[in-house]
Protein backbone atom coordinates (compact mmCIF):
# COMPACT_ATOMS: atom_id res chain seq x y z
CA MET A 1 103.24 73.32 81.15
CA THR A 2 104.89 71.41 84.08
CA THR A 3 105.90 67.62 83.50
CA GLN A 4 106.37 64.54 85.75
CA PHE A 5 109.00 65.00 88.27
CA GLN A 6 110.54 63.10 91.05
CA LEU A 7 111.22 64.75 94.46
CA ILE A 8 113.36 63.74 97.62
CA ALA A 9 112.57 65.51 100.79
CA LYS A 10 115.02 65.06 104.06
CA ILE A 11 113.33 65.78 107.17
CA THR A 12 115.40 65.91 110.39
CA PRO A 13 113.61 66.19 113.50
CA LYS A 14 114.61 67.04 116.91
CA PRO A 15 115.65 64.13 119.02
CA GLU A 16 112.57 64.31 121.19
CA HIS A 17 110.23 64.47 118.45
CA MET A 18 111.44 61.71 116.30
CA GLN A 19 108.47 59.63 117.07
CA ASP A 20 106.02 62.56 116.49
CA VAL A 21 107.40 62.78 112.87
CA ARG A 22 107.50 59.34 112.36
CA ASP A 23 103.84 58.98 113.13
CA SER A 24 103.07 62.15 111.06
CA LEU A 25 104.53 60.89 108.06
CA THR A 26 102.98 57.50 108.39
CA SER A 27 99.30 58.72 108.92
CA ILE A 28 99.63 60.67 105.47
CA LEU A 29 101.09 57.77 103.23
CA ALA A 30 97.64 56.15 102.30
CA PRO A 31 95.92 59.37 101.80
CA THR A 32 98.71 60.95 99.99
CA ARG A 33 99.21 57.88 97.59
CA ALA A 34 95.46 58.22 96.65
CA GLU A 35 95.88 61.63 95.35
CA PRO A 36 95.33 61.92 91.70
CA GLY A 37 98.66 63.59 90.88
CA CYS A 38 100.85 60.96 93.13
CA LEU A 39 102.64 58.61 91.42
CA LYS A 40 104.98 57.38 94.23
CA PHE A 41 105.06 58.27 97.94
CA ASN A 42 107.53 56.32 100.03
CA LEU A 43 108.84 56.77 103.30
CA LEU A 44 112.40 55.85 104.26
CA GLU A 45 114.34 56.34 107.55
CA GLY A 46 118.08 57.04 107.56
CA ARG A 47 120.23 54.29 108.76
CA SER A 48 121.74 56.81 111.35
CA GLY A 49 118.05 56.80 112.77
CA ASP A 50 117.94 60.83 112.95
CA CYS A 51 116.19 61.52 109.95
CA PHE A 52 113.65 60.78 107.36
CA TYR A 53 113.39 60.68 103.57
CA LEU A 54 110.18 61.08 101.26
CA ASP A 55 110.84 59.61 97.81
CA GLU A 56 108.00 60.96 95.61
CA GLU A 57 106.93 61.38 92.13
CA TRP A 58 104.27 63.83 90.95
CA THR A 59 102.82 64.50 87.62
CA SER A 60 103.10 68.03 87.74
CA ASP A 61 104.10 70.98 89.99
CA ASP A 62 100.35 71.68 90.17
CA ALA A 63 99.79 68.32 91.67
CA LEU A 64 102.29 68.83 94.42
CA ALA A 65 100.84 72.27 95.29
CA ALA A 66 97.49 70.74 95.77
CA HIS A 67 98.96 67.87 97.85
CA TYR A 68 100.54 70.90 100.00
CA GLU A 69 96.93 72.24 100.59
CA MET A 70 95.44 68.94 101.73
CA ASP A 71 93.72 69.13 105.16
CA TYR A 72 95.90 66.47 106.51
CA ILE A 73 99.04 68.07 105.34
CA LYS A 74 98.63 71.74 106.64
CA PRO A 75 98.60 70.75 110.46
CA ILE A 76 101.83 68.70 110.10
CA PHE A 77 103.63 71.43 108.44
CA ALA A 78 102.56 73.69 111.20
CA LYS A 79 103.78 71.31 113.74
CA TYR A 80 107.20 70.90 111.82
CA GLU A 81 107.99 74.50 113.12
CA ASN A 82 108.71 73.22 116.50
CA TRP A 83 109.46 69.69 115.72
CA LEU A 84 112.08 70.01 113.18
CA ALA A 85 115.87 70.52 113.91
CA ALA A 86 116.39 72.07 110.40
CA PRO A 87 113.85 73.27 107.87
CA ALA A 88 113.11 70.44 105.44
CA GLU A 89 115.36 69.72 102.34
CA ILE A 90 113.27 69.51 99.19
CA HIS A 91 115.28 68.35 95.89
CA LYS A 92 113.09 68.31 92.82
CA MET A 93 114.62 66.26 89.87
CA THR A 94 114.06 65.14 86.53
CA ALA A 95 114.69 61.32 85.33
CA LEU A 96 117.35 61.38 82.77
CA ALA A 97 117.20 57.80 82.07
């Protein structure tokens, strides 16, 4: 059985794709927040202006896996192959206090 967890994803676009990535992330906020297993899905921009962070909370690993299979997510992941300067950094965490 999987349990509730938090996730931070760092997304670093190539400079010429900053706006593309910003637009794509903004476009998935509302539908992702409406998913049954999503407890939190916030988009932040690094103060340096060269990366984005997703601050997420999910009810389970299964809920996150279902999110990754959504029709509005798969095309973005495909575009990231060309848009990102480095692979997305994903950190799953469990709250301690």
